[in-house]
Amino acid sequence: MPAPAMTEPTDNEQQPPTRFVNPLGMRVLVRMLPGDERTKAGLYLPQSVQDDGADAVFAEVVGVALAVPEHGDVLEGSNVSGIPDGSKVLFAPEAGYRVPWDQSLRLVESKDVLALVEEYDTSKAN
């Protein structure tokens, strides 16, 4: 079977820009993680409805605020938010600011993070 043909965008088609969000201050950038999409009765719920009744939202930290060096300070590139990049966190549904071009991203202040969540695979227990 031949490989699918690659198509180049025409002049009329514009590629969306690639964006890098660098949190400032005591903020982290989180990507919302999917929750249970079904009710106990088996109905599927959209993410917006799931968040409405939630006490806390589950997300993964995908960006942290970094120190900006002044005159070669030691803090260059260090995490100032206190929350490790890649952590799973819980925060209140109303906390933070949604990123306009990606509804799964939200900027959240460190003080609004309620907990760090650690996950363990219990099926591989000794």
Protein backbone atom coordinates (compact mmCIF):
# COMPACT_ATOMS: atom_id res chain seq x y z
CA MET A 1 0.00 0.00 0.00
CA PRO A 2 1.49 3.40 -0.95
CA ALA A 3 2.20 5.95 1.74
CA PRO A 4 -0.35 8.78 2.07
CA ALA A 5 0.56 11.92 0.17
CA MET A 6 1.74 14.91 2.16
CA THR A 7 -0.14 18.09 1.43
CA GLU A 8 1.37 21.50 1.64
CA PRO A 9 -0.85 24.34 2.87
CA THR A 10 -2.03 26.60 0.09
CA ASP A 11 -1.66 30.35 0.26
CA ASN A 12 -5.25 30.57 1.51
CA GLU A 13 -4.59 28.17 4.41
CA GLN A 14 -2.74 29.58 7.39
CA GLN A 15 -0.92 27.36 9.83
CA PRO A 16 -1.77 28.12 13.47
CA PRO A 17 1.18 29.68 15.26
CA THR A 18 3.23 27.59 17.67
CA ARG A 19 2.94 29.13 21.11
CA PHE A 20 5.05 28.66 24.23
CA VAL A 21 3.46 29.78 27.49
CA ASN A 22 5.97 30.81 30.16
CA PRO A 23 4.16 31.36 33.50
CA LEU A 24 5.15 34.48 35.41
CA GLY A 25 5.22 35.06 39.14
CA MET A 26 4.06 32.28 41.42
CA ARG A 27 2.06 30.49 38.71
CA VAL A 28 2.09 27.11 37.01
CA LEU A 29 0.67 26.05 33.66
CA VAL A 30 -1.47 22.92 33.97
CA ARG A 31 -3.12 20.61 31.47
CA MET A 32 -6.47 19.33 32.64
CA LEU A 33 -6.53 15.55 32.90
CA PRO A 34 -9.62 13.67 31.87
CA GLY A 35 -11.84 12.57 34.71
CA ASP A 36 -14.43 9.86 34.73
CA GLU A 37 -16.54 10.66 31.66
CA ARG A 38 -19.46 8.50 32.75
CA THR A 39 -22.03 8.85 35.49
CA LYS A 40 -22.92 5.89 37.69
CA ALA A 41 -25.91 5.37 35.36
CA GLY A 42 -23.55 5.11 32.36
CA LEU A 43 -24.23 8.51 30.76
CA TYR A 44 -21.30 10.31 29.14
CA LEU A 45 -20.65 13.87 30.35
CA PRO A 46 -18.67 16.62 28.61
CA GLN A 47 -15.67 18.02 30.53
CA SER A 48 -17.43 21.35 31.23
CA VAL A 49 -20.28 19.58 33.02
CA GLN A 50 -17.87 17.33 34.94
CA ASP A 51 -16.02 20.38 36.33
CA ASP A 52 -19.25 22.11 37.43
CA GLY A 53 -19.96 19.64 40.22
CA ALA A 54 -16.37 18.89 41.19
CA ASP A 55 -14.84 20.02 44.47
CA ALA A 56 -11.36 19.81 42.93
CA VAL A 57 -9.91 19.46 39.43
CA PHE A 58 -7.12 17.00 38.50
CA ALA A 59 -4.33 18.33 36.25
CA GLU A 60 -0.69 17.88 35.31
CA VAL A 61 1.85 20.70 35.62
CA VAL A 62 3.32 21.31 32.15
CA GLY A 63 5.12 24.60 32.85
CA VAL A 64 6.47 26.45 35.87
CA ALA A 65 7.62 30.01 36.50
CA LEU A 66 11.39 30.27 36.28
CA ALA A 67 13.62 32.82 37.97
CA VAL A 68 15.01 35.45 35.65
CA PRO A 69 18.68 36.05 36.46
CA GLU A 70 19.85 39.53 37.34
CA HIS A 71 23.53 40.08 36.62
CA GLY A 72 24.36 36.36 36.55
CA ASP A 73 22.59 35.32 39.76
CA VAL A 74 22.63 31.66 40.77
CA LEU A 75 18.83 31.43 40.39
CA GLU A 76 19.01 31.19 36.60
CA GLY A 77 16.34 28.81 35.40
CA SER A 78 15.29 27.67 38.87
CA ASN A 79 11.64 26.90 39.61
CA VAL A 80 10.17 29.73 41.72
CA SER A 81 6.67 28.28 42.03
CA GLY A 82 7.65 25.53 44.46
CA ILE A 83 5.63 22.98 42.46
CA PRO A 84 7.70 20.52 40.39
CA ASP A 85 7.19 20.42 36.63
CA GLY A 86 5.35 17.22 35.68
CA SER A 87 3.52 16.95 39.01
CA LYS A 88 -0.11 15.89 39.18
CA VAL A 89 -2.12 18.42 41.21
CA LEU A 90 -5.57 19.20 42.57
CA PHE A 91 -7.05 22.71 42.59
CA ALA A 92 -10.49 24.32 42.87
CA PRO A 93 -12.49 24.38 39.60
CA GLU A 94 -12.83 28.17 39.65
CA ALA A 95 -9.08 28.75 40.19
CA GLY A 96 -6.81 30.00 37.45
CA TYR A 97 -7.21 31.42 33.98
CA ARG A 98 -8.05 29.37 30.89
CA VAL A 99 -5.68 29.69 27.94
CA PRO A 100 -7.83 31.09 25.09
CA TRP A 101 -6.52 28.89 22.28
CA ASP A 102 -6.43 25.61 24.26
CA GLN A 103 -9.24 24.93 26.73
CA SER A 104 -7.29 22.06 28.32
CA LEU A 105 -4.63 24.53 29.59
CA ARG A 106 -4.99 26.78 32.61
CA LEU A 107 -2.64 29.18 34.43
CA VAL A 108 -3.01 28.61 38.18
CA GLU A 109 -1.41 30.47 41.07
CA SER A 110 0.71 28.28 43.32
CA LYS A 111 -1.37 29.25 46.35
CA ASP A 112 -4.48 27.81 44.63
CA VAL A 113 -2.93 24.34 44.27
CA LEU A 114 -4.53 22.22 46.99
CA ALA A 115 -2.37 19.10 46.78
CA LEU A 116 0.27 17.20 44.86
CA VAL A 117 -1.00 13.77 43.78
CA GLU A 118 1.30 10.75 43.63
CA GLU A 119 0.18 7.75 41.62
CA TYR A 120 1.35 4.20 42.28
CA ASP A 121 0.82 1.08 40.20
CA THR A 122 -0.48 -1.39 42.79
CA SER A 123 -0.58 -4.24 40.27
CA LYS A 124 3.25 -4.40 40.39
CA ALA A 125 3.49 -4.67 44.18
CA ASN A 126 6.15 -7.02 45.53
